Amino acid sequence: MSSFDKVELVMAFEDAFTIELTDDDIEAMQSVGAAIRILTRDLATEGASA
């Protein structure tokens, strides 16, 4: 995946789930599984604070 593709994917995740991913999260997204873990964690955290 090119850097441009990764940026587009991160922007789509942020828009779709109304979250903000950190630079560390973005760097850690090296696989689909990693992306799912990060998104699930962020969504669970946001749901707990709502």
N, C-alpha and C. Protein backbone atom coordinates (compact mmCIF):
# COMPACT_ATOMS: atom_id res chain seq x y z
N MET A 1 0.86 -1.16 0.00
CA MET A 1 0.00 0.00 0.00
C MET A 1 0.91 1.23 0.00
N SER A 2 0.60 2.17 -0.86
CA SER A 2 1.39 3.40 -0.91
C SER A 2 1.01 4.31 0.26
N SER A 3 1.86 5.27 0.52
CA SER A 3 1.58 6.24 1.60
C SER A 3 0.29 6.99 1.32
N PHE A 4 0.07 7.31 0.05
CA PHE A 4 -1.14 8.03 -0.32
C PHE A 4 -2.38 7.19 -0.04
N ASP A 5 -2.32 5.91 -0.37
CA ASP A 5 -3.44 5.02 -0.09
C ASP A 5 -3.71 4.94 1.41
N LYS A 6 -2.65 4.88 2.20
CA LYS A 6 -2.80 4.80 3.65
C LYS A 6 -3.45 6.06 4.20
N VAL A 7 -3.05 7.22 3.69
CA VAL A 7 -3.65 8.48 4.12
C VAL A 7 -5.14 8.50 3.79
N GLU A 8 -5.49 8.08 2.59
CA GLU A 8 -6.89 8.04 2.20
C GLU A 8 -7.70 7.08 3.08
N LEU A 9 -7.11 5.94 3.39
CA LEU A 9 -7.78 4.96 4.24
C LEU A 9 -7.99 5.50 5.64
N VAL A 10 -6.98 6.13 6.21
CA VAL A 10 -7.09 6.71 7.55
C VAL A 10 -8.16 7.80 7.57
N MET A 11 -8.17 8.65 6.56
CA MET A 11 -9.18 9.71 6.49
C MET A 11 -10.58 9.11 6.41
N ALA A 12 -10.74 8.04 5.66
CA ALA A 12 -12.04 7.38 5.54
C ALA A 12 -12.47 6.79 6.89
N PHE A 13 -11.53 6.16 7.60
CA PHE A 13 -11.84 5.63 8.94
C PHE A 13 -12.27 6.75 9.88
N GLU A 14 -11.52 7.84 9.88
CA GLU A 14 -11.82 8.95 10.78
C GLU A 14 -13.20 9.54 10.47
N ASP A 15 -13.51 9.70 9.20
CA ASP A 15 -14.83 10.23 8.81
C ASP A 15 -15.95 9.26 9.13
N ALA A 16 -15.75 8.00 8.81
CA ALA A 16 -16.81 7.01 8.98
C ALA A 16 -17.14 6.75 10.44
N PHE A 17 -16.11 6.76 11.30
CA PHE A 17 -16.32 6.41 12.70
C PHE A 17 -16.25 7.60 13.65
N THR A 18 -16.08 8.81 13.09
CA THR A 18 -15.98 10.04 13.88
C THR A 18 -14.96 9.87 15.02
N ILE A 19 -13.74 9.49 14.62
CA ILE A 19 -12.64 9.34 15.57
C ILE A 19 -11.44 10.09 15.03
N GLU A 20 -10.44 10.26 15.87
CA GLU A 20 -9.19 10.86 15.44
C GLU A 20 -8.07 9.89 15.79
N LEU A 21 -7.37 9.42 14.77
CA LEU A 21 -6.29 8.47 14.98
C LEU A 21 -4.98 9.22 15.20
N THR A 22 -4.17 8.73 16.14
CA THR A 22 -2.88 9.35 16.42
C THR A 22 -1.85 8.88 15.39
N ASP A 23 -0.74 9.59 15.34
CA ASP A 23 0.34 9.18 14.45
C ASP A 23 0.83 7.78 14.80
N ASP A 24 0.88 7.46 16.10
CA ASP A 24 1.29 6.11 16.52
C ASP A 24 0.31 5.05 16.02
N ASP A 25 -1.00 5.36 16.09
CA ASP A 25 -2.01 4.42 15.58
C ASP A 25 -1.82 4.19 14.09
N ILE A 26 -1.60 5.26 13.37
CA ILE A 26 -1.46 5.16 11.91
C ILE A 26 -0.22 4.34 11.57
N GLU A 27 0.87 4.58 12.27
CA GLU A 27 2.10 3.82 12.03
C GLU A 27 1.90 2.33 12.34
N ALA A 28 1.09 2.04 13.36
CA ALA A 28 0.86 0.65 13.78
C ALA A 28 -0.06 -0.10 12.82
N MET A 29 -0.76 0.59 11.95
CA MET A 29 -1.68 -0.06 11.01
C MET A 29 -0.91 -0.64 9.84
N GLN A 30 -0.31 -1.79 10.08
CA GLN A 30 0.46 -2.46 9.04
C GLN A 30 -0.30 -3.64 8.43
N SER A 31 -1.47 -3.95 9.01
CA SER A 31 -2.27 -5.06 8.50
C SER A 31 -3.74 -4.77 8.77
N VAL A 32 -4.59 -5.54 8.15
CA VAL A 32 -6.03 -5.40 8.39
C VAL A 32 -6.34 -5.69 9.85
N GLY A 33 -5.71 -6.73 10.41
CA GLY A 33 -5.94 -7.09 11.80
C GLY A 33 -5.55 -5.97 12.74
N ALA A 34 -4.43 -5.31 12.48
CA ALA A 34 -3.99 -4.19 13.31
C ALA A 34 -4.99 -3.04 13.22
N ALA A 35 -5.47 -2.76 12.03
CA ALA A 35 -6.45 -1.69 11.86
C ALA A 35 -7.73 -2.00 12.64
N ILE A 36 -8.18 -3.23 12.58
CA ILE A 36 -9.39 -3.62 13.30
C ILE A 36 -9.18 -3.47 14.80
N ARG A 37 -8.03 -3.90 15.32
CA ARG A 37 -7.76 -3.76 16.76
C ARG A 37 -7.76 -2.30 17.19
N ILE A 38 -7.12 -1.45 16.41
CA ILE A 38 -7.03 -0.03 16.75
C ILE A 38 -8.41 0.62 16.68
N LEU A 39 -9.16 0.35 15.62
CA LEU A 39 -10.49 0.94 15.48
C LEU A 39 -11.43 0.43 16.57
N THR A 40 -11.38 -0.85 16.87
CA THR A 40 -12.23 -1.42 17.91
C THR A 40 -11.91 -0.79 19.26
N ARG A 41 -10.62 -0.64 19.55
CA ARG A 41 -10.20 -0.01 20.81
C ARG A 41 -10.72 1.42 20.90
N ASP A 42 -10.55 2.20 19.83
CA ASP A 42 -10.98 3.59 19.85
C ASP A 42 -12.49 3.71 19.95
N LEU A 43 -13.21 2.86 19.25
CA LEU A 43 -14.67 2.91 19.31
C LEU A 43 -15.18 2.48 20.69
N ALA A 44 -14.54 1.50 21.30
CA ALA A 44 -14.95 1.05 22.64
C ALA A 44 -14.66 2.15 23.66
N THR A 45 -13.52 2.83 23.51
CA THR A 45 -13.16 3.93 24.42
C THR A 45 -14.14 5.07 24.28
N GLU A 46 -14.49 5.41 23.05
CA GLU A 46 -15.43 6.51 22.82
C GLU A 46 -16.81 6.15 23.34
N GLY A 47 -17.22 4.92 23.15
CA GLY A 47 -18.53 4.48 23.64
C GLY A 47 -18.60 4.51 25.15
N ALA A 48 -17.50 4.21 25.80
CA ALA A 48 -17.47 4.22 27.27
C ALA A 48 -17.53 5.64 27.82
N SER A 49 -17.04 6.61 27.04
CA SER A 49 -17.05 7.99 27.52
C SER A 49 -18.32 8.73 27.15
N ALA A 50 -19.17 8.14 26.33
CA ALA A 50 -20.40 8.80 25.88
C ALA A 50 -21.50 8.71 26.91
